[in-house]
Amino acid sequence: MALLLASCATSSMLVGQPRPPIDPSQVRIYNAPPPGGFEEIAVIETASGPVTYGEQNKLNAVLQNLREEAAKVGANGVLLQGTANGYGGTSVGVGAGGGSYRGSGFSSGGIGVSISPRTKYATGTAIYVPNPPPENWQPMLPGSTEPAVAPEPGDGG
């Protein structure tokens, strides 16, 4: 049980002055520094749970973990530093055996399956943004009028 708990642990290291805790739903994830500046509060590392299946579910889990940890130190944003996949996978083993004892024969066989989903890891900096940009704000490429990040399908962009 301790191994399961350790595999989905989230840790943070304060690098600035914490603020009063807020609701995690108020914490925004930024892929680029927001305009107008921000204050760094903590560096956060987290992982998806040991039985989280599906890439989107794993990503959602680590982003939610980042939000929850940032909210504890009063950060209203997380500047995402990156994500990575851990080791894991699926394996199947087949075995068979046989023998005899005092003239009587016996045989046996078995199949074993090991399913170990790969854990997703994420790192981010918990930040306080005094004047957050609008919800639909996208970072721009230098010298361009195009967003640096393509809008998600269905975002109207």
Protein backbone atom coordinates (compact mmCIF):
# COMPACT_ATOMS: atom_id res chain seq x y z
CA MET A 1 0.00 0.00 0.00
CA ALA A 2 2.86 2.38 0.77
CA LEU A 3 4.26 1.77 -2.72
CA LEU A 4 0.92 2.75 -4.28
CA LEU A 5 0.78 5.94 -2.23
CA ALA A 6 4.38 6.83 -3.00
CA SER A 7 3.86 6.41 -6.74
CA CYS A 8 1.23 9.17 -6.90
CA ALA A 9 2.97 11.55 -4.51
CA THR A 10 3.24 15.25 -5.18
CA SER A 11 6.04 17.32 -3.74
CA SER A 12 6.73 21.02 -3.68
CA MET A 13 9.62 23.23 -2.69
CA LEU A 14 8.99 26.83 -1.69
CA VAL A 15 11.02 29.37 -3.65
CA GLY A 16 8.99 32.43 -2.64
CA GLN A 17 6.48 33.72 -0.12
CA PRO A 18 3.35 31.53 0.19
CA ARG A 19 -0.09 33.11 0.28
CA PRO A 20 -3.33 31.94 1.91
CA PRO A 21 -4.72 28.76 0.28
CA ILE A 22 -7.31 29.10 -2.48
CA ASP A 23 -9.70 26.75 -4.27
CA PRO A 24 -7.88 24.58 -6.88
CA SER A 25 -10.51 25.52 -9.48
CA GLN A 26 -9.09 29.08 -9.41
CA VAL A 27 -5.62 27.88 -10.47
CA ARG A 28 -4.83 28.23 -14.20
CA ILE A 29 -2.20 26.27 -16.11
CA TYR A 30 0.09 28.37 -18.33
CA ASN A 31 2.23 26.94 -21.14
CA ALA A 32 4.15 30.23 -21.41
CA PRO A 33 4.75 33.09 -18.96
CA PRO A 34 1.62 35.23 -18.64
CA PRO A 35 1.90 38.90 -19.64
CA GLY A 36 2.34 41.50 -16.92
CA GLY A 37 4.68 39.48 -14.73
CA PHE A 38 4.21 37.00 -11.90
CA GLU A 39 5.68 35.96 -8.58
CA GLU A 40 7.19 32.48 -8.17
CA ILE A 41 6.00 30.67 -5.05
CA ALA A 42 6.99 26.99 -5.36
CA VAL A 43 8.35 24.32 -7.66
CA ILE A 44 6.01 21.33 -7.91
CA GLU A 45 6.63 17.76 -9.09
CA THR A 46 3.81 15.23 -9.40
CA ALA A 47 2.80 11.95 -11.01
CA SER A 48 -0.38 10.24 -12.14
CA GLY A 49 -1.79 7.49 -9.96
CA PRO A 50 -0.67 3.86 -10.23
CA VAL A 51 -3.89 2.70 -11.89
CA THR A 52 -4.63 5.66 -14.18
CA TYR A 53 -5.26 4.40 -17.71
CA GLY A 54 -5.39 6.42 -20.93
CA GLU A 55 -3.03 9.21 -21.90
CA GLN A 56 -5.64 11.97 -21.54
CA ASN A 57 -6.66 10.69 -18.09
CA LYS A 58 -3.01 10.65 -16.98
CA LEU A 59 -2.49 14.20 -18.25
CA ASN A 60 -5.68 15.38 -16.54
CA ALA A 61 -4.53 13.73 -13.29
CA VAL A 62 -1.11 15.42 -13.22
CA LEU A 63 -2.59 18.82 -14.13
CA GLN A 64 -5.15 18.46 -11.33
CA ASN A 65 -2.36 17.48 -8.90
CA LEU A 66 -0.42 20.61 -9.94
CA ARG A 67 -3.52 22.79 -9.37
CA GLU A 68 -4.19 21.27 -5.95
CA GLU A 69 -0.60 21.70 -4.75
CA ALA A 70 -0.41 25.27 -6.10
CA ALA A 71 -3.69 26.14 -4.39
CA LYS A 72 -2.24 25.02 -1.03
CA VAL A 73 0.42 27.76 -1.25
CA GLY A 74 -2.01 30.38 -2.61
CA ALA A 75 -0.78 30.36 -6.21
CA ASN A 76 -3.40 31.25 -8.83
CA GLY A 77 -1.35 29.79 -11.67
CA VAL A 78 1.09 27.05 -12.61
CA LEU A 79 3.72 27.65 -15.26
CA LEU A 80 4.01 24.15 -16.75
CA GLN A 81 7.66 23.17 -17.14
CA GLY A 82 7.03 19.81 -18.79
CA THR A 83 5.62 16.31 -18.68
CA ALA A 84 7.24 12.91 -19.15
CA ASN A 85 6.24 9.25 -19.24
CA GLY A 86 7.66 6.73 -16.80
CA TYR A 87 8.41 3.09 -17.37
CA GLY A 88 5.76 0.40 -17.52
CA GLY A 89 3.90 -1.70 -19.98
CA THR A 90 2.21 -5.04 -20.43
CA SER A 91 3.77 -8.48 -20.51
CA VAL A 92 2.38 -11.99 -20.94
CA GLY A 93 4.13 -15.13 -19.75
CA VAL A 94 3.26 -18.73 -20.61
CA GLY A 95 4.57 -21.74 -18.74
CA ALA A 96 4.16 -25.50 -18.91
CA GLY A 97 5.48 -28.40 -16.90
CA GLY A 98 5.23 -32.15 -16.62
CA GLY A 99 6.70 -35.13 -14.87
CA SER A 100 6.00 -38.47 -13.30
CA TYR A 101 6.04 -39.97 -9.86
CA ARG A 102 5.97 -43.77 -9.25
CA GLY A 103 4.61 -44.48 -12.67
CA SER A 104 1.90 -41.83 -12.59
CA GLY A 105 2.31 -38.86 -14.87
CA PHE A 106 1.09 -35.33 -14.44
CA SER A 107 1.23 -32.14 -16.38
CA SER A 108 0.37 -28.52 -15.73
CA GLY A 109 0.36 -25.21 -17.47
CA GLY A 110 -0.30 -21.58 -16.76
CA ILE A 111 -0.53 -18.13 -18.20
CA GLY A 112 0.39 -14.95 -16.37
CA VAL A 113 -0.40 -11.39 -17.40
CA SER A 114 1.20 -8.30 -15.92
CA ILE A 115 -0.36 -4.95 -16.70
CA SER A 116 1.56 -1.98 -15.39
CA PRO A 117 0.43 1.34 -16.88
CA ARG A 118 3.11 3.92 -17.48
CA THR A 119 3.03 6.78 -15.03
CA LYS A 120 2.96 10.35 -16.32
CA TYR A 121 5.07 12.93 -14.48
CA ALA A 122 4.76 16.72 -14.54
CA THR A 123 6.79 19.63 -13.21
CA GLY A 124 5.63 23.20 -12.85
CA THR A 125 6.21 26.43 -11.01
CA ALA A 126 3.40 27.65 -8.77
CA ILE A 127 2.99 31.36 -9.50
CA TYR A 128 0.89 34.28 -8.37
CA VAL A 129 -0.33 36.44 -11.27
CA PRO A 130 -1.57 39.86 -10.03
CA ASN A 131 -3.64 40.58 -13.16
CA PRO A 132 -4.39 37.28 -14.91
CA PRO A 133 -4.93 37.50 -18.68
CA PRO A 134 -8.36 36.58 -20.10
CA GLU A 135 -9.29 32.88 -20.13
CA ASN A 136 -8.76 32.60 -23.91
CA TRP A 137 -5.29 34.24 -23.83
CA GLN A 138 -2.67 32.47 -25.98
CA PRO A 139 1.07 33.26 -25.99
CA MET A 140 2.22 34.82 -29.29
CA LEU A 141 5.25 33.88 -31.35
CA PRO A 142 7.84 36.70 -31.34
CA GLY A 143 7.15 39.13 -34.20
CA SER A 144 3.90 37.38 -35.15
CA THR A 145 0.18 37.82 -34.75
CA GLU A 146 -0.35 34.03 -34.57
CA PRO A 147 -0.65 32.15 -31.25
CA ALA A 148 2.36 30.04 -30.27
CA VAL A 149 -0.04 27.24 -29.31
CA ALA A 150 -2.70 26.03 -31.73
CA PRO A 151 -6.22 26.27 -30.31
CA GLU A 152 -7.94 23.04 -29.30
CA PRO A 153 -10.62 21.74 -31.66
CA GLY A 154 -13.95 23.29 -30.74
CA ASP A 155 -12.38 26.38 -29.10
CA GLY A 156 -13.69 28.55 -31.93
CA GLY A 157 -10.18 29.47 -33.04
